[in-house]
Amino acid sequence: MALKNVRKKQVTWSGTLTWELKDRAGVPISVFSEFCRKLTGLAYATQLRYTTVVARFIDYLYEVEVLGGPPVSRAVLNKAIDHYLALLRSGENISLSVGEGANACYAEGDQASELALRNVAKRLGIEPLSSGSWDNTLAPLNMFLRVCAMLEQEAKEIAVLKGGIDASLVNAAEWDYRPLLQAVDGISAFSVEEVWHLKHSTMLGGVIRFRGNKLTRPKGLKQSSRQKSQVDVDSLDFPEDYFPALLQSTTSWRDRALWTLLLASGIRRSEALNLRWCDVDFAAREVYVLDPNQQRYGRLVPTDVRQLRFKGRSVSQTYMRLPYRNWFFEYLSRYRREEYRLPMDGNDFVFQYLFATYHGRPLHKATDETLNDSFKSAVKRARIPGPAINRNYVWTAHSLRHAYARHMLNDFNVPGQERPGLSEVDVQALLGQKHIGSTRKYAKPHASRLREKLLAHDHQYIQGIVSLPGQTPQLKNAN
């Protein structure tokens, strides 16, 4: 989902990578910069997620003209925030009516607001959040509003000390900040950046205080069809018959290599994106994954071999199943020859951005949404149907890990073994998971296995090979 009214850019501040957000006029939004500085020390992925969520929120406030236009009342601001949460819940299907169907009715002005909000959702590409995404969306929003509350007092002090604004006007802003913001516009002592800082801090700073609580999940969240389904028919593994069609719909050798690696080895996408060229052995056709806890299959590799080959790093070997192993190395070779570019910063990551602006930058710096959208777009282009419980479901890249686990449990042929399939413990080692319960969420037995066992039992009973305890009761003569 691209930003429409603001522009986000990664910058360096005091030797640390951070982000900057500029408005339509190119003026940096200082409250966003301060928010980014508060994230220092958190994992890069967390910082990226938090800054993305807040940038979209600010973009929305500009779109509905709460920011960037004449000052609005605190009631209007709070309503806009409530509407944003409703948009995150329903997207373009947002409804402000009371009741449903023929009984639906609107408060004055709500019907027009509903139509306007649907257009906002369409223009900004706002889609409903999954139930599991609310916590890591509300957390950065609430943190941002707390930062604004802290900056609000600072902004008021600047207004008095530097701008010479009457202190009574500043104190009155606790209840109505519009007169203060109008006064700020007429102070020549302020730069454009300072004016925007005063306005944003003052408007957003009192949100949590005047709402009385932090932002929470809206009521009426709908479960997905997958959440409503029975656990025993919940199918999360990508349908492998459609995998060639998926590859045909990709736009780069890089994506073909990445997605084939996930299906071939079952490693996590984050692990794949962290691969360096020294982790890939073209001669032996093997891939090694950094695994400090040695939970993966590679824990069986002798320590001296690991240390010699990988310069002392604790790594784990992966098992790549055929034919995808061969496909992966073919695609990886094409990617390295035709698309890969030596990075300016000297990094050794295998997978990198391909478009001009960021070509050579590690792909692990991309947001989850960007990576997910790339995979989902390919699924849609290939017209791959979802599972039987929901044919409209769009597969994610994580389903390739599920497909690997399910195949290894049910269909992997082991020489000398009567039935195909590895044990759960074996699959757990291959996936690099700490708890067997986690493995069972991925490696599920095929329903046909249970049916085969039940039919086999009935067959043996009919043939007299097995017997049941007790005697068949004799029926009395009805006459």
Protein backbone atom coordinates (compact mmCIF):
# COMPACT_ATOMS: atom_id res chain seq x y z
CA MET A 1 0.00 0.00 0.00
CA ALA A 2 1.83 3.10 -1.26
CA LEU A 3 1.70 6.40 0.62
CA LYS A 4 -0.31 9.06 -1.20
CA ASN A 5 0.08 12.31 0.76
CA VAL A 6 3.45 11.89 2.46
CA ARG A 7 6.81 10.49 1.45
CA LYS A 8 8.85 8.15 3.63
CA LYS A 9 12.61 7.85 3.24
CA GLN A 10 15.36 6.04 5.12
CA VAL A 11 18.05 8.42 6.40
CA THR A 12 21.02 8.42 8.77
CA TRP A 13 20.81 10.32 12.06
CA SER A 14 23.83 10.42 14.38
CA GLY A 15 25.28 7.40 12.61
CA THR A 16 22.08 5.36 12.96
CA LEU A 17 19.69 4.35 10.20
CA THR A 18 16.22 5.79 10.73
CA TRP A 19 13.31 7.14 8.69
CA GLU A 20 12.01 10.55 7.68
CA LEU A 21 8.50 11.51 6.60
CA LYS A 22 7.83 14.61 4.51
CA ASP A 23 4.50 16.26 3.75
CA ARG A 24 3.25 17.39 0.35
CA ALA A 25 5.39 20.54 0.50
CA GLY A 26 8.52 18.53 1.31
CA VAL A 27 8.64 19.64 4.94
CA PRO A 28 9.82 16.93 7.39
CA ILE A 29 7.17 15.85 9.90
CA SER A 30 9.11 16.22 13.13
CA VAL A 31 6.79 14.17 15.36
CA PHE A 32 7.38 11.18 13.08
CA SER A 33 11.16 11.70 13.24
CA GLU A 34 11.02 11.82 17.04
CA PHE A 35 8.90 8.66 17.07
CA CYS A 36 11.54 6.89 14.95
CA ARG A 37 14.28 7.90 17.38
CA LYS A 38 12.31 6.31 20.23
CA LEU A 39 12.56 3.00 18.37
CA THR A 40 16.36 2.91 18.57
CA GLY A 41 17.53 -0.41 19.98
CA LEU A 42 14.58 -2.43 18.71
CA ALA A 43 15.04 -5.10 16.05
CA TYR A 44 15.16 -3.72 12.51
CA ALA A 45 12.04 -5.66 11.52
CA THR A 46 10.15 -4.15 14.47
CA GLN A 47 11.29 -0.64 13.60
CA LEU A 48 10.25 -1.16 9.99
CA ARG A 49 6.82 -2.44 11.01
CA TYR A 50 6.19 0.38 13.50
CA THR A 51 7.29 3.17 11.15
CA THR A 52 5.21 1.73 8.32
CA VAL A 53 2.06 1.60 10.48
CA VAL A 54 2.49 5.18 11.73
CA ALA A 55 3.37 6.56 8.27
CA ARG A 56 0.12 5.12 6.91
CA PHE A 57 -1.83 6.58 9.81
CA ILE A 58 -0.40 10.05 9.14
CA ASP A 59 -1.05 9.61 5.42
CA TYR A 60 -4.71 8.90 6.26
CA LEU A 61 -4.96 12.03 8.45
CA TYR A 62 -3.77 14.09 5.49
CA GLU A 63 -6.22 12.34 3.17
CA VAL A 64 -9.21 13.22 5.37
CA GLU A 65 -7.78 16.75 5.83
CA VAL A 66 -7.33 16.55 9.57
CA LEU A 67 -3.70 17.42 8.93
CA GLY A 68 -2.53 19.79 6.22
CA GLY A 69 -5.61 22.00 6.27
CA PRO A 70 -7.30 24.46 8.62
CA PRO A 71 -7.32 23.42 12.31
CA VAL A 72 -10.14 21.08 13.24
CA SER A 73 -11.77 20.53 16.61
CA ARG A 74 -10.63 17.74 18.92
CA ALA A 75 -13.99 16.03 18.37
CA VAL A 76 -13.34 15.91 14.61
CA LEU A 77 -9.86 14.50 15.20
CA ASN A 78 -11.12 11.77 17.50
CA LYS A 79 -13.89 10.83 15.08
CA ALA A 80 -11.31 10.58 12.29
CA ILE A 81 -9.25 8.20 14.42
CA ASP A 82 -12.34 6.09 15.20
CA HIS A 83 -13.08 5.94 11.49
CA TYR A 84 -9.51 4.83 10.79
CA LEU A 85 -9.90 1.88 13.15
CA ALA A 86 -13.19 1.03 11.43
CA LEU A 87 -11.42 1.14 8.05
CA LEU A 88 -8.74 -1.23 9.35
CA ARG A 89 -11.54 -3.54 10.41
CA SER A 90 -13.66 -3.44 7.25
CA GLY A 91 -11.75 -1.69 4.44
CA GLU A 92 -14.01 -0.59 1.58
CA ASN A 93 -16.93 -2.42 3.25
CA ILE A 94 -17.04 0.02 6.14
CA SER A 95 -20.54 0.70 7.41
CA LEU A 96 -21.67 3.47 9.75
CA SER A 97 -25.30 2.34 9.82
CA VAL A 98 -27.12 1.00 12.85
CA GLY A 99 -28.77 -2.35 12.12
CA GLU A 100 -28.59 -4.43 8.96
CA GLY A 101 -30.57 -4.91 5.79
CA ALA A 102 -33.99 -3.29 5.68
CA ASN A 103 -33.60 -2.24 9.31
CA ALA A 104 -30.39 -0.27 8.71
CA CYS A 105 -30.55 3.42 9.52
CA TYR A 106 -28.04 6.27 9.65
CA ALA A 107 -27.50 9.16 12.01
CA GLU A 108 -27.48 12.53 10.32
CA GLY A 109 -24.50 12.85 8.00
CA ASP A 110 -23.26 9.28 8.53
CA GLN A 111 -24.41 8.00 5.15
CA ALA A 112 -22.36 10.65 3.36
CA SER A 113 -19.42 9.96 5.68
CA GLU A 114 -19.64 6.25 4.91
CA LEU A 115 -19.44 6.88 1.18
CA ALA A 116 -16.50 9.26 1.66
CA LEU A 117 -14.65 6.74 3.83
CA ARG A 118 -15.15 3.98 1.28
CA ASN A 119 -13.53 6.24 -1.29
CA VAL A 120 -10.68 6.92 1.15
CA ALA A 121 -10.15 3.17 1.59
CA LYS A 122 -10.07 2.74 -2.18
CA ARG A 123 -7.63 5.60 -2.76
CA LEU A 124 -5.26 4.53 0.02
CA GLY A 125 -5.64 0.80 -0.58
CA ILE A 126 -6.78 0.09 2.98
CA GLU A 127 -7.75 -3.57 3.41
CA PRO A 128 -9.17 -5.32 6.50
CA LEU A 129 -6.57 -6.46 8.99
CA SER A 130 -6.42 -10.12 9.92
CA SER A 131 -7.26 -10.84 13.54
CA GLY A 132 -3.61 -11.63 14.26
CA SER A 133 -2.39 -8.25 12.98
CA TRP A 134 -4.24 -5.96 15.37
CA ASP A 135 -1.78 -6.12 18.26
CA ASN A 136 1.25 -5.11 16.19
CA THR A 137 -0.80 -2.34 14.55
CA LEU A 138 -2.28 -0.79 17.69
CA ALA A 139 1.01 -0.95 19.60
CA PRO A 140 2.88 1.46 17.28
CA LEU A 141 -0.17 3.76 16.99
CA ASN A 142 -0.48 4.05 20.76
CA MET A 143 3.26 4.55 21.12
CA PHE A 144 3.15 7.32 18.49
CA LEU A 145 0.34 9.11 20.31
CA ARG A 146 2.26 8.87 23.59
CA VAL A 147 5.29 10.45 21.89
CA CYS A 148 3.01 13.24 20.60
CA ALA A 149 1.69 13.79 24.11
CA MET A 150 5.27 14.22 25.33
CA LEU A 151 6.03 16.66 22.51
CA GLU A 152 2.84 18.65 23.12
CA GLN A 153 4.21 20.28 26.26
CA GLU A 154 7.48 21.03 24.51
CA ALA A 155 5.59 22.68 21.64
CA LYS A 156 3.64 24.88 24.04
CA GLU A 157 6.83 26.03 25.74
CA ILE A 158 8.29 26.97 22.35
CA ALA A 159 5.11 28.92 21.55
CA VAL A 160 5.50 31.00 24.73
CA LEU A 161 9.28 31.39 24.93
CA LYS A 162 10.16 31.82 21.26
CA GLY A 163 6.90 32.97 19.73
CA GLY A 164 5.85 35.29 22.53
CA ILE A 165 2.30 33.89 22.47
CA ASP A 166 0.20 34.75 25.51
CA ALA A 167 0.37 31.98 28.12
CA SER A 168 -3.41 32.12 28.64
CA LEU A 169 -3.91 31.15 24.99
CA VAL A 170 -1.59 28.21 25.47
CA ASN A 171 -3.42 27.09 28.62
CA ALA A 172 -6.78 27.37 26.84
CA ALA A 173 -5.46 24.94 24.21
CA GLU A 174 -6.10 22.14 26.70
CA TRP A 175 -9.77 22.42 25.68
CA ASP A 176 -9.67 24.03 22.24
CA TYR A 177 -6.33 24.24 20.46
CA ARG A 178 -7.62 25.97 17.30
CA PRO A 179 -7.01 29.57 18.49
CA LEU A 180 -3.42 28.64 19.40
CA LEU A 181 -2.76 27.09 15.99
CA GLN A 182 -4.20 30.13 14.24
CA ALA A 183 -1.94 32.37 16.31
CA VAL A 184 1.11 30.26 15.45
CA ASP A 185 0.57 30.95 11.73
CA GLY A 186 1.17 34.65 12.29
CA ILE A 187 4.49 34.37 14.17
CA SER A 188 7.43 35.27 11.91
CA ALA A 189 9.93 33.94 14.45
CA PHE A 190 8.94 30.38 13.55
CA SER A 191 10.34 28.46 10.59
CA VAL A 192 8.00 26.37 8.42
CA GLU A 193 9.28 23.22 10.17
CA GLU A 194 8.60 24.72 13.61
CA VAL A 195 5.07 25.71 12.63
CA TRP A 196 4.28 22.19 11.51
CA HIS A 197 5.90 20.75 14.63
CA LEU A 198 3.75 22.97 16.85
CA LYS A 199 0.59 22.08 14.97
CA HIS A 200 1.12 18.32 14.81
CA SER A 201 2.28 18.04 18.41
CA THR A 202 -0.55 20.15 19.78
CA MET A 203 -3.29 18.43 17.75
CA LEU A 204 -2.20 14.84 18.31
CA GLY A 205 -0.72 15.25 21.77
CA GLY A 206 -3.98 15.27 23.68
CA VAL A 207 -5.66 12.38 21.89
CA ILE A 208 -5.05 9.71 24.50
CA ARG A 209 -5.66 12.10 27.39
CA PHE A 210 -9.00 13.29 26.05
CA ARG A 211 -10.13 9.87 24.87
CA GLY A 212 -9.48 8.53 28.34
CA ASN A 213 -7.73 5.39 27.12
CA LYS A 214 -5.48 4.04 24.41
CA LEU A 215 -6.67 2.84 21.02
CA THR A 216 -8.20 -0.64 21.18
CA ARG A 217 -9.61 -3.19 18.79
CA PRO A 218 -13.01 -2.17 17.44
CA LYS A 219 -15.93 -4.40 18.28
CA GLY A 220 -17.49 -6.68 15.71
CA LEU A 221 -14.33 -8.14 14.22
CA LYS A 222 -15.21 -10.93 11.84
CA GLN A 223 -13.44 -14.25 11.82
CA SER A 224 -11.93 -15.48 8.60
CA SER A 225 -13.38 -18.56 6.94
CA ARG A 226 -10.24 -20.43 7.99
CA GLN A 227 -10.75 -19.50 11.64
CA LYS A 228 -14.35 -20.71 11.50
CA SER A 229 -13.41 -24.06 9.95
CA GLN A 230 -12.87 -27.27 11.83
CA VAL A 231 -9.30 -27.95 12.82
CA ASP A 232 -9.32 -31.34 11.08
CA VAL A 233 -10.01 -29.78 7.67
CA ASP A 234 -7.81 -26.73 8.12
CA SER A 235 -5.43 -26.89 5.16
CA LEU A 236 -2.53 -24.48 5.08
CA ASP A 237 -0.09 -26.24 2.75
CA PHE A 238 0.38 -24.79 -0.72
CA PRO A 239 -1.03 -27.09 -3.47
CA GLU A 240 2.14 -28.32 -5.15
CA ASP A 241 0.40 -29.17 -8.40
CA TYR A 242 0.06 -25.42 -8.95
CA PHE A 243 3.67 -24.57 -8.12
CA PRO A 244 4.87 -24.59 -11.78
CA ALA A 245 2.04 -22.16 -12.59
CA LEU A 246 3.18 -19.94 -9.73
CA LEU A 247 6.72 -19.86 -11.11
CA GLN A 248 5.43 -19.01 -14.57
CA SER A 249 3.63 -15.98 -13.13
CA THR A 250 6.71 -14.54 -11.42
CA THR A 251 8.53 -11.54 -12.84
CA SER A 252 12.12 -12.37 -11.85
CA TRP A 253 14.63 -15.20 -11.46
CA ARG A 254 15.16 -13.97 -7.92
CA ASP A 255 11.58 -14.74 -6.91
CA ARG A 256 11.68 -18.11 -8.65
CA ALA A 257 14.81 -18.99 -6.69
CA LEU A 258 13.45 -17.67 -3.38
CA TRP A 259 10.08 -19.41 -3.55
CA THR A 260 11.58 -22.67 -4.80
CA LEU A 261 14.04 -22.59 -1.89
CA LEU A 262 11.15 -22.28 0.57
CA LEU A 263 9.34 -25.27 -0.90
CA ALA A 264 12.51 -27.32 -1.33
CA SER A 265 13.91 -26.84 2.19
CA GLY A 266 11.01 -25.72 4.39
CA ILE A 267 13.08 -22.90 5.90
CA ARG A 268 11.42 -19.69 7.04
CA ARG A 269 11.34 -16.76 4.65
CA SER A 270 13.34 -14.68 7.13
CA GLU A 271 16.03 -17.36 7.15
CA ALA A 272 16.13 -17.41 3.37
CA LEU A 273 16.45 -13.62 3.18
CA ASN A 274 19.36 -13.70 5.63
CA LEU A 275 21.36 -16.10 3.46
CA ARG A 276 24.79 -15.02 2.32
CA TRP A 277 26.62 -16.41 -0.67
CA CYS A 278 29.01 -18.26 1.63
CA ASP A 279 26.02 -20.23 2.95
CA VAL A 280 25.33 -21.70 -0.49
CA ASP A 281 27.44 -24.63 -1.72
CA PHE A 282 26.95 -24.88 -5.49
CA ALA A 283 29.26 -27.90 -5.86
CA ALA A 284 27.50 -30.01 -3.21
CA ARG A 285 24.12 -28.39 -3.94
CA GLU A 286 23.49 -27.59 -0.29
CA VAL A 287 22.25 -24.56 1.67
CA TYR A 288 23.17 -23.80 5.27
CA VAL A 289 21.10 -21.67 7.64
CA LEU A 290 22.37 -19.78 10.65
CA ASP A 291 20.96 -21.68 13.63
CA PRO A 292 22.64 -20.81 16.97
CA ASN A 293 20.55 -23.37 18.86
CA GLN A 294 21.41 -26.18 16.43
CA GLN A 295 17.80 -27.35 16.37
CA ARG A 296 17.89 -28.15 12.67
CA TYR A 297 19.03 -31.28 10.90
CA GLY A 298 22.51 -29.80 10.57
CA ARG A 299 23.21 -30.42 14.26
CA LEU A 300 24.37 -33.86 13.09
CA VAL A 301 27.11 -32.29 10.95
CA PRO A 302 30.47 -32.69 12.75
CA THR A 303 31.54 -29.54 14.59
CA ASP A 304 34.99 -29.46 13.01
CA VAL A 305 33.44 -29.50 9.55
CA ARG A 306 31.09 -26.63 10.42
CA GLN A 307 33.87 -24.56 11.89
CA LEU A 308 36.23 -25.20 9.02
CA ARG A 309 33.73 -24.49 6.31
CA PHE A 310 31.87 -21.60 7.87
CA LYS A 311 34.63 -19.83 9.80
CA GLY A 312 33.39 -20.80 13.23
CA ARG A 313 29.76 -19.81 12.80
CA SER A 314 27.20 -22.18 14.22
CA VAL A 315 25.15 -23.16 11.18
CA SER A 316 22.75 -25.92 10.27
CA GLN A 317 22.36 -27.95 7.15
CA THR A 318 19.03 -28.08 5.36
CA TYR A 319 17.58 -30.97 3.43
CA MET A 320 16.37 -29.88 -0.01
CA ARG A 321 14.03 -32.36 -1.64
CA LEU A 322 14.02 -33.22 -5.29
CA PRO A 323 13.18 -32.06 -7.91
CA TYR A 324 12.98 -28.62 -6.31
CA ARG A 325 16.64 -28.76 -5.25
CA ASN A 326 17.71 -28.84 -8.90
CA TRP A 327 15.19 -26.15 -9.82
CA PHE A 328 16.50 -23.87 -7.09
CA PHE A 329 20.14 -24.02 -8.17
CA GLU A 330 19.15 -23.47 -11.80
CA TYR A 331 17.09 -20.37 -10.91
CA LEU A 332 19.74 -19.11 -8.50
CA SER A 333 22.39 -19.33 -11.22
CA ARG A 334 20.19 -17.40 -13.65
CA TYR A 335 19.46 -14.78 -10.98
CA ARG A 336 23.12 -14.33 -10.13
CA ARG A 337 24.11 -14.08 -13.77
CA GLU A 338 21.31 -11.86 -15.07
CA GLU A 339 19.84 -9.85 -12.17
CA TYR A 340 22.23 -9.74 -9.22
CA ARG A 341 24.42 -6.67 -8.84
CA LEU A 342 27.43 -6.23 -6.58
CA PRO A 343 26.23 -3.99 -3.71
CA MET A 344 27.87 -0.63 -3.18
CA ASP A 345 28.08 -1.26 0.58
CA GLY A 346 29.81 -4.62 0.11
CA ASN A 347 27.11 -6.76 1.75
CA ASP A 348 27.06 -10.46 0.87
CA PHE A 349 23.33 -11.18 1.07
CA VAL A 350 21.99 -13.47 -1.66
CA PHE A 351 18.60 -11.88 -2.22
CA GLN A 352 18.47 -8.17 -3.01
CA TYR A 353 16.16 -5.49 -4.34
CA LEU A 354 16.00 -5.38 -8.13
CA PHE A 355 14.43 -2.01 -8.93
CA ALA A 356 16.78 0.83 -9.76
CA THR A 357 16.48 3.01 -6.65
CA TYR A 358 17.46 0.24 -4.22
CA HIS A 359 19.22 -2.24 -6.53
CA GLY A 360 21.79 -4.11 -4.43
CA ARG A 361 20.11 -3.37 -1.11
CA PRO A 362 19.36 -6.54 0.95
CA LEU A 363 15.81 -7.78 0.42
CA HIS A 364 15.43 -8.55 4.12
CA LYS A 365 14.99 -4.80 4.64
CA ALA A 366 11.68 -4.93 2.74
CA THR A 367 8.45 -4.84 4.76
CA ASP A 368 6.46 -8.01 5.27
CA GLU A 369 3.62 -6.44 3.34
CA THR A 370 5.82 -5.78 0.31
CA LEU A 371 7.05 -9.37 0.31
CA ASN A 372 3.56 -10.76 0.87
CA ASP A 373 2.06 -8.63 -1.89
CA SER A 374 4.65 -9.91 -4.36
CA PHE A 375 3.75 -13.53 -3.64
CA LYS A 376 0.01 -12.94 -3.51
CA SER A 377 0.07 -11.04 -6.80
CA ALA A 378 1.75 -14.03 -8.45
CA VAL A 379 -0.87 -16.37 -6.94
CA LYS A 380 -3.65 -14.20 -8.35
CA ARG A 381 -2.03 -13.98 -11.79
CA ALA A 382 -1.69 -17.77 -11.84
CA ARG A 383 -5.35 -18.11 -10.74
CA ILE A 384 -4.47 -20.63 -8.05
CA PRO A 385 -7.58 -21.52 -6.02
CA GLY A 386 -7.55 -21.59 -2.25
CA PRO A 387 -8.30 -24.68 -0.14
CA ALA A 388 -11.67 -26.42 -0.31
CA ILE A 389 -12.96 -24.47 2.72
CA ASN A 390 -12.36 -21.15 0.95
CA ARG A 391 -11.57 -21.09 -2.76
CA ASN A 392 -11.11 -17.31 -2.66
CA TYR A 393 -8.29 -17.52 -0.13
CA VAL A 394 -4.99 -16.17 -1.50
CA TRP A 395 -1.97 -18.26 -0.51
CA THR A 396 1.01 -16.70 1.26
CA ALA A 397 4.68 -17.66 0.95
CA HIS A 398 4.50 -19.26 4.41
CA SER A 399 2.25 -21.96 2.96
CA LEU A 400 5.34 -23.33 1.15
CA ARG A 401 6.85 -24.22 4.54
CA HIS A 402 3.63 -26.02 5.44
CA ALA A 403 3.75 -27.92 2.14
CA TYR A 404 7.31 -29.07 2.85
CA ALA A 405 6.40 -30.28 6.35
CA ARG A 406 3.29 -32.12 5.24
CA HIS A 407 5.12 -33.85 2.38
CA MET A 408 7.95 -35.01 4.64
CA LEU A 409 5.49 -36.45 7.17
CA ASN A 410 3.19 -38.17 4.69
CA ASP A 411 4.83 -38.77 1.31
CA PHE A 412 8.62 -38.85 1.67
CA ASN A 413 9.80 -42.26 0.49
CA VAL A 414 12.27 -43.95 2.86
CA PRO A 415 14.05 -47.04 1.44
CA GLY A 416 13.13 -50.18 3.38
CA GLN A 417 10.19 -48.50 5.09
CA GLU A 418 6.76 -49.99 4.39
CA ARG A 419 4.90 -46.72 4.37
CA PRO A 420 6.28 -43.35 3.21
CA GLY A 421 6.85 -40.49 5.61
CA LEU A 422 9.29 -39.41 8.32
CA SER A 423 8.47 -39.29 12.01
CA GLU A 424 7.29 -36.10 13.69
CA VAL A 425 10.64 -35.83 15.48
CA ASP A 426 12.48 -36.03 12.17
CA VAL A 427 10.29 -33.32 10.65
CA GLN A 428 10.79 -31.19 13.76
CA ALA A 429 14.56 -31.33 13.23
CA LEU A 430 14.21 -30.44 9.55
CA LEU A 431 12.04 -27.42 10.36
CA GLY A 432 14.33 -26.28 13.17
CA GLN A 433 11.52 -26.02 15.69
CA LYS A 434 11.98 -26.16 19.45
CA HIS A 435 8.61 -27.68 20.40
CA ILE A 436 6.92 -30.67 18.79
CA GLY A 437 3.57 -28.89 19.20
CA SER A 438 4.71 -26.27 16.72
CA THR A 439 5.67 -29.00 14.27
CA ARG A 440 2.20 -30.52 14.46
CA LYS A 441 0.70 -27.26 13.25
CA TYR A 442 2.70 -27.68 10.05
CA ALA A 443 3.13 -31.42 9.55
CA LYS A 444 -0.42 -32.74 9.56
CA PRO A 445 -1.27 -36.30 8.50
CA HIS A 446 -3.41 -36.67 5.41
CA ALA A 447 -7.02 -37.52 6.20
CA SER A 448 -6.66 -40.49 3.83
CA ARG A 449 -4.22 -42.08 6.30
CA LEU A 450 -6.96 -42.39 8.92
CA ARG A 451 -9.45 -43.74 6.40
CA GLU A 452 -6.95 -46.34 5.22
CA LYS A 453 -6.39 -47.58 8.78
CA LEU A 454 -10.13 -47.87 9.46
CA LEU A 455 -10.80 -49.68 6.18
CA ALA A 456 -7.87 -52.03 6.80
CA HIS A 457 -9.31 -52.94 10.19
CA ASP A 458 -12.77 -53.64 8.70
CA HIS A 459 -11.19 -55.77 5.97
CA GLN A 460 -9.27 -57.89 8.48
CA TYR A 461 -12.35 -58.32 10.67
CA ILE A 462 -14.47 -59.49 7.73
CA GLN A 463 -11.77 -62.02 6.81
CA GLY A 464 -11.63 -63.27 10.39
CA ILE A 465 -8.03 -62.14 10.91
CA VAL A 466 -9.05 -60.06 13.93
CA SER A 467 -11.96 -60.52 16.33
CA LEU A 468 -13.78 -58.27 18.74
CA PRO A 469 -14.49 -59.08 22.41
CA GLY A 470 -17.99 -60.27 23.32
CA GLN A 471 -20.65 -62.13 21.37
CA THR A 472 -23.06 -60.84 18.80
CA PRO A 473 -26.42 -60.41 20.61
CA GLN A 474 -29.19 -62.76 19.45
CA LEU A 475 -32.33 -61.02 18.21
CA LYS A 476 -35.65 -62.31 19.51
CA ASN A 477 -38.17 -63.70 17.04
CA ALA A 478 -40.58 -60.90 16.26
CA ASN A 479 -43.40 -63.48 16.06
